[in-house]
Amino acid sequence: MEKQERRVLELDKYEHGVLVNALNGMRNDLIEEDRPTDIVDEVLLKTIDAPTRKVRCRDETR
């Protein structure tokens, strides 16, 4: 069995929103063209359901 490659993106709240809106726009375009939306649906759901992680901010003035 071949090992699957995975990619991890770190996005802030704004970037996450941009990605969700872009994928949703792509999905709507595919629906208008009467084309399958399966892969876009999967990626959109993964993006929406992606876990969050709190990031510790360092004090840069020290």
PDB file of N, CA and C in Angstrom:
ATOM      1  N   MET A   1       0.845  -1.181   0.000  1.00  0.00           N
ATOM      2  CA  MET A   1       0.000   0.000   0.000  1.00  0.00           C
ATOM      3  C   MET A   1       0.889   1.242   0.000  1.00  0.00           C
ATOM      4  N   GLU A   2       0.592   2.139  -0.901  1.00  0.00           N
ATOM      5  CA  GLU A   2       1.393   3.341  -1.051  1.00  0.00           C
ATOM      6  C   GLU A   2       0.987   4.399  -0.021  1.00  0.00           C
ATOM      7  N   LYS A   3       1.980   5.091   0.499  1.00  0.00           N
ATOM      8  CA  LYS A   3       1.727   6.125   1.474  1.00  0.00           C
ATOM      9  C   LYS A   3       1.152   7.358   0.784  1.00  0.00           C
ATOM     10  N   GLN A   4       0.031   7.875   1.308  1.00  0.00           N
ATOM     11  CA  GLN A   4      -0.582   9.059   0.724  1.00  0.00           C
ATOM     12  C   GLN A   4       0.089  10.313   1.255  1.00  0.00           C
ATOM     13  N   GLU A   5       0.293  11.276   0.372  1.00  0.00           N
ATOM     14  CA  GLU A   5       0.867  12.553   0.779  1.00  0.00           C
ATOM     15  C   GLU A   5      -0.248  13.463   1.276  1.00  0.00           C
ATOM     16  N   ARG A   6      -0.018  14.145   2.370  1.00  0.00           N
ATOM     17  CA  ARG A   6      -0.997  15.077   2.941  1.00  0.00           C
ATOM     18  C   ARG A   6      -0.363  16.456   3.006  1.00  0.00           C
ATOM     19  N   ARG A   7      -1.185  17.453   2.885  1.00  0.00           N
ATOM     20  CA  ARG A   7      -0.723  18.833   3.004  1.00  0.00           C
ATOM     21  C   ARG A   7      -1.510  19.508   4.115  1.00  0.00           C
ATOM     22  N   VAL A   8      -0.824  20.340   4.865  1.00  0.00           N
ATOM     23  CA  VAL A   8      -1.446  21.056   5.974  1.00  0.00           C
ATOM     24  C   VAL A   8      -1.278  22.550   5.722  1.00  0.00           C
ATOM     25  N   LEU A   9      -2.378  23.274   5.788  1.00  0.00           N
ATOM     26  CA  LEU A   9      -2.354  24.727   5.624  1.00  0.00           C
ATOM     27  C   LEU A   9      -2.687  25.378   6.955  1.00  0.00           C
ATOM     28  N   GLU A  10      -1.990  26.440   7.279  1.00  0.00           N
ATOM     29  CA  GLU A  10      -2.339  27.233   8.450  1.00  0.00           C
ATOM     30  C   GLU A  10      -2.943  28.524   7.944  1.00  0.00           C
ATOM     31  N   LEU A  11      -4.214  28.729   8.250  1.00  0.00           N
ATOM     32  CA  LEU A  11      -4.938  29.896   7.771  1.00  0.00           C
ATOM     33  C   LEU A  11      -5.502  30.672   8.948  1.00  0.00           C
ATOM     34  N   ASP A  12      -5.492  32.002   8.820  1.00  0.00           N
ATOM     35  CA  ASP A  12      -6.183  32.775   9.845  1.00  0.00           C
ATOM     36  C   ASP A  12      -7.671  32.796   9.513  1.00  0.00           C
ATOM     37  N   LYS A  13      -8.454  33.430  10.364  1.00  0.00           N
ATOM     38  CA  LYS A  13      -9.906  33.426  10.198  1.00  0.00           C
ATOM     39  C   LYS A  13     -10.316  34.034   8.852  1.00  0.00           C
ATOM     40  N   TYR A  14      -9.668  35.115   8.454  1.00  0.00           N
ATOM     41  CA  TYR A  14      -9.993  35.780   7.190  1.00  0.00           C
ATOM     42  C   TYR A  14      -9.666  34.873   5.997  1.00  0.00           C
ATOM     43  N   GLU A  15      -8.477  34.272   5.989  1.00  0.00           N
ATOM     44  CA  GLU A  15      -8.065  33.386   4.899  1.00  0.00           C
ATOM     45  C   GLU A  15      -8.992  32.173   4.796  1.00  0.00           C
ATOM     46  N   HIS A  16      -9.402  31.646   5.939  1.00  0.00           N
ATOM     47  CA  HIS A  16     -10.325  30.512   5.965  1.00  0.00           C
ATOM     48  C   HIS A  16     -11.636  30.907   5.296  1.00  0.00           C
ATOM     49  N   GLY A  17     -12.134  32.100   5.607  1.00  0.00           N
ATOM     50  CA  GLY A  17     -13.375  32.577   4.999  1.00  0.00           C
ATOM     51  C   GLY A  17     -13.255  32.753   3.495  1.00  0.00           C
ATOM     52  N   VAL A  18     -12.107  33.277   3.050  1.00  0.00           N
ATOM     53  CA  VAL A  18     -11.868  33.447   1.616  1.00  0.00           C
ATOM     54  C   VAL A  18     -11.895  32.095   0.914  1.00  0.00           C
ATOM     55  N   LEU A  19     -11.247  31.110   1.500  1.00  0.00           N
ATOM     56  CA  LEU A  19     -11.196  29.780   0.900  1.00  0.00           C
ATOM     57  C   LEU A  19     -12.585  29.151   0.821  1.00  0.00           C
ATOM     58  N   VAL A  20     -13.357  29.261   1.887  1.00  0.00           N
ATOM     59  CA  VAL A  20     -14.717  28.699   1.894  1.00  0.00           C
ATOM     60  C   VAL A  20     -15.560  29.393   0.831  1.00  0.00           C
ATOM     61  N   ASN A  21     -15.477  30.717   0.748  1.00  0.00           N
ATOM     62  CA  ASN A  21     -16.267  31.447  -0.260  1.00  0.00           C
ATOM     63  C   ASN A  21     -15.845  31.100  -1.678  1.00  0.00           C
ATOM     64  N   ALA A  22     -14.553  30.933  -1.908  1.00  0.00           N
ATOM     65  CA  ALA A  22     -14.068  30.577  -3.249  1.00  0.00           C
ATOM     66  C   ALA A  22     -14.554  29.184  -3.655  1.00  0.00           C
ATOM     67  N   LEU A  23     -14.469  28.243  -2.736  1.00  0.00           N
ATOM     68  CA  LEU A  23     -14.942  26.886  -3.034  1.00  0.00           C
ATOM     69  C   LEU A  23     -16.451  26.865  -3.262  1.00  0.00           C
ATOM     70  N   ASN A  24     -17.174  27.627  -2.478  1.00  0.00           N
ATOM     71  CA  ASN A  24     -18.624  27.681  -2.651  1.00  0.00           C
ATOM     72  C   ASN A  24     -18.980  28.317  -3.996  1.00  0.00           C
ATOM     73  N   GLY A  25     -18.243  29.339  -4.393  1.00  0.00           N
ATOM     74  CA  GLY A  25     -18.459  29.955  -5.704  1.00  0.00           C
ATOM     75  C   GLY A  25     -18.192  28.967  -6.828  1.00  0.00           C
ATOM     76  N   MET A  26     -17.117  28.191  -6.687  1.00  0.00           N
ATOM     77  CA  MET A  26     -16.797  27.174  -7.690  1.00  0.00           C
ATOM     78  C   MET A  26     -17.914  26.131  -7.758  1.00  0.00           C
ATOM     79  N   ARG A  27     -18.413  25.737  -6.598  1.00  0.00           N
ATOM     80  CA  ARG A  27     -19.495  24.749  -6.539  1.00  0.00           C
ATOM     81  C   ARG A  27     -20.738  25.290  -7.239  1.00  0.00           C
ATOM     82  N   ASN A  28     -21.078  26.539  -6.972  1.00  0.00           N
ATOM     83  CA  ASN A  28     -22.252  27.149  -7.613  1.00  0.00           C
ATOM     84  C   ASN A  28     -22.088  27.210  -9.131  1.00  0.00           C
ATOM     85  N   ASP A  29     -20.882  27.534  -9.605  1.00  0.00           N
ATOM     86  CA  ASP A  29     -20.621  27.567 -11.049  1.00  0.00           C
ATOM     87  C   ASP A  29     -20.812  26.183 -11.671  1.00  0.00           C
ATOM     88  N   LEU A  30     -20.310  25.150 -10.985  1.00  0.00           N
ATOM     89  CA  LEU A  30     -20.466  23.787 -11.493  1.00  0.00           C
ATOM     90  C   LEU A  30     -21.937  23.383 -11.541  1.00  0.00           C
ATOM     91  N   ILE A  31     -22.698  23.779 -10.535  1.00  0.00           N
ATOM     92  CA  ILE A  31     -24.130  23.460 -10.516  1.00  0.00           C
ATOM     93  C   ILE A  31     -24.828  24.140 -11.689  1.00  0.00           C
ATOM     94  N   GLU A  32     -24.481  25.408 -11.939  1.00  0.00           N
ATOM     95  CA  GLU A  32     -25.080  26.127 -13.078  1.00  0.00           C
ATOM     96  C   GLU A  32     -24.766  25.449 -14.404  1.00  0.00           C
ATOM     97  N   GLU A  33     -23.551  24.889 -14.517  1.00  0.00           N
ATOM     98  CA  GLU A  33     -23.137  24.212 -15.747  1.00  0.00           C
ATOM     99  C   GLU A  33     -23.600  22.764 -15.786  1.00  0.00           C
ATOM    100  N   ASP A  34     -24.343  22.341 -14.780  1.00  0.00           N
ATOM    101  CA  ASP A  34     -24.851  20.977 -14.678  1.00  0.00           C
ATOM    102  C   ASP A  34     -23.716  19.953 -14.712  1.00  0.00           C
ATOM    103  N   ARG A  35     -22.637  20.263 -13.975  1.00  0.00           N
ATOM    104  CA  ARG A  35     -21.483  19.371 -13.876  1.00  0.00           C
ATOM    105  C   ARG A  35     -21.389  18.813 -12.459  1.00  0.00           C
ATOM    106  N   PRO A  36     -20.712  17.692 -12.281  1.00  0.00           N
ATOM    107  CA  PRO A  36     -20.609  17.088 -10.940  1.00  0.00           C
ATOM    108  C   PRO A  36     -19.800  17.967  -9.977  1.00  0.00           C
ATOM    109  N   THR A  37     -20.229  17.977  -8.723  1.00  0.00           N
ATOM    110  CA  THR A  37     -19.578  18.809  -7.702  1.00  0.00           C
ATOM    111  C   THR A  37     -18.924  17.976  -6.600  1.00  0.00           C
ATOM    112  N   ASP A  38     -18.800  16.683  -6.813  1.00  0.00           N
ATOM    113  CA  ASP A  38     -18.352  15.763  -5.761  1.00  0.00           C
ATOM    114  C   ASP A  38     -17.042  16.192  -5.096  1.00  0.00           C
ATOM    115  N   ILE A  39     -16.000  16.421  -5.873  1.00  0.00           N
ATOM    116  CA  ILE A  39     -14.698  16.721  -5.281  1.00  0.00           C
ATOM    117  C   ILE A  39     -14.711  18.075  -4.589  1.00  0.00           C
ATOM    118  N   VAL A  40     -15.403  19.050  -5.177  1.00  0.00           N
ATOM    119  CA  VAL A  40     -15.480  20.374  -4.553  1.00  0.00           C
ATOM    120  C   VAL A  40     -16.260  20.277  -3.246  1.00  0.00           C
ATOM    121  N   ASP A  41     -17.314  19.469  -3.228  1.00  0.00           N
ATOM    122  CA  ASP A  41     -18.087  19.254  -1.998  1.00  0.00           C
ATOM    123  C   ASP A  41     -17.199  18.674  -0.899  1.00  0.00           C
ATOM    124  N   GLU A  42     -16.394  17.692  -1.249  1.00  0.00           N
ATOM    125  CA  GLU A  42     -15.510  17.055  -0.264  1.00  0.00           C
ATOM    126  C   GLU A  42     -14.508  18.047   0.318  1.00  0.00           C
ATOM    127  N   VAL A  43     -13.882  18.811  -0.555  1.00  0.00           N
ATOM    128  CA  VAL A  43     -12.877  19.774  -0.092  1.00  0.00           C
ATOM    129  C   VAL A  43     -13.538  20.891   0.719  1.00  0.00           C
ATOM    130  N   LEU A  44     -14.708  21.331   0.293  1.00  0.00           N
ATOM    131  CA  LEU A  44     -15.435  22.366   1.018  1.00  0.00           C
ATOM    132  C   LEU A  44     -15.789  21.888   2.427  1.00  0.00           C
ATOM    133  N   LEU A  45     -16.286  20.671   2.543  1.00  0.00           N
ATOM    134  CA  LEU A  45     -16.613  20.132   3.862  1.00  0.00           C
ATOM    135  C   LEU A  45     -15.382  19.964   4.737  1.00  0.00           C
ATOM    136  N   LYS A  46     -14.272  19.507   4.152  1.00  0.00           N
ATOM    137  CA  LYS A  46     -13.029  19.385   4.917  1.00  0.00           C
ATOM    138  C   LYS A  46     -12.574  20.746   5.420  1.00  0.00           C
ATOM    139  N   THR A  47     -12.729  21.759   4.572  1.00  0.00           N
ATOM    140  CA  THR A  47     -12.308  23.112   4.945  1.00  0.00           C
ATOM    141  C   THR A  47     -13.181  23.659   6.061  1.00  0.00           C
ATOM    142  N   ILE A  48     -14.490  23.475   5.938  1.00  0.00           N
ATOM    143  CA  ILE A  48     -15.413  23.973   6.960  1.00  0.00           C
ATOM    144  C   ILE A  48     -15.178  23.264   8.286  1.00  0.00           C
ATOM    145  N   ASP A  49     -14.954  21.947   8.242  1.00  0.00           N
ATOM    146  CA  ASP A  49     -14.818  21.140   9.455  1.00  0.00           C
ATOM    147  C   ASP A  49     -13.381  21.047   9.987  1.00  0.00           C
ATOM    148  N   ALA A  50     -12.462  21.756   9.384  1.00  0.00           N
ATOM    149  CA  ALA A  50     -11.058  21.672   9.802  1.00  0.00           C
ATOM    150  C   ALA A  50     -10.919  22.122  11.261  1.00  0.00           C
ATOM    151  N   PRO A  51     -10.144  21.387  12.033  1.00  0.00           N
ATOM    152  CA  PRO A  51      -9.977  21.755  13.440  1.00  0.00           C
ATOM    153  C   PRO A  51      -9.187  23.049  13.584  1.00  0.00           C
ATOM    154  N   THR A  52      -9.449  23.753  14.662  1.00  0.00           N
ATOM    155  CA  THR A  52      -8.695  24.974  14.944  1.00  0.00           C
ATOM    156  C   THR A  52      -7.660  24.679  16.021  1.00  0.00           C
ATOM    157  N   ARG A  53      -6.656  25.500  16.036  1.00  0.00           N
ATOM    158  CA  ARG A  53      -5.602  25.353  17.034  1.00  0.00           C
ATOM    159  C   ARG A  53      -5.221  26.747  17.490  1.00  0.00           C
ATOM    160  N   LYS A  54      -5.157  26.927  18.769  1.00  0.00           N
ATOM    161  CA  LYS A  54      -4.755  28.224  19.296  1.00  0.00           C
ATOM    162  C   LYS A  54      -3.255  28.363  19.138  1.00  0.00           C
ATOM    163  N   VAL A  55      -2.841  29.532  18.679  1.00  0.00           N
ATOM    164  CA  VAL A  55      -1.426  29.789  18.461  1.00  0.00           C
ATOM    165  C   VAL A  55      -0.955  30.763  19.524  1.00  0.00           C
ATOM    166  N   ARG A  56       0.144  30.437  20.106  1.00  0.00           N
ATOM    167  CA  ARG A  56       0.709  31.287  21.140  1.00  0.00           C
ATOM    168  C   ARG A  56       1.475  32.428  20.479  1.00  0.00           C
ATOM    169  N   CYS A  57       1.145  33.636  20.862  1.00  0.00           N
ATOM    170  CA  CYS A  57       1.833  34.804  20.309  1.00  0.00           C
ATOM    171  C   CYS A  57       2.994  35.176  21.201  1.00  0.00           C
ATOM    172  N   ARG A  58       4.138  35.376  20.565  1.00  0.00           N
ATOM    173  CA  ARG A  58       5.319  35.798  21.324  1.00  0.00           C
ATOM    174  C   ARG A  58       5.367  37.308  21.396  1.00  0.00           C
ATOM    175  N   ASP A  59       5.906  37.821  22.468  1.00  0.00           N
ATOM    176  CA  ASP A  59       6.089  39.248  22.613  1.00  0.00           C
ATOM    177  C   ASP A  59       7.366  39.634  21.880  1.00  0.00           C
ATOM    178  N   GLU A  60       7.240  40.331  20.770  1.00  0.00           N
ATOM    179  CA  GLU A  60       8.370  40.669  19.905  1.00  0.00           C
ATOM    180  C   GLU A  60       9.212  41.826  20.447  1.00  0.00           C
ATOM    181  N   THR A  61       8.760  42.496  21.509  1.00  0.00           N
ATOM    182  CA  THR A  61       9.486  43.673  22.016  1.00  0.00           C
ATOM    183  C   THR A  61      10.623  43.292  22.933  1.00  0.00           C
ATOM    184  N   ARG A  62      10.732  42.056  23.347  1.00  0.00           N
ATOM    185  CA  ARG A  62      11.800  41.638  24.276  1.00  0.00           C
ATOM    186  C   ARG A  62      13.062  41.330  23.558  1.00  0.00           C
TER     187      ARG A  62
END
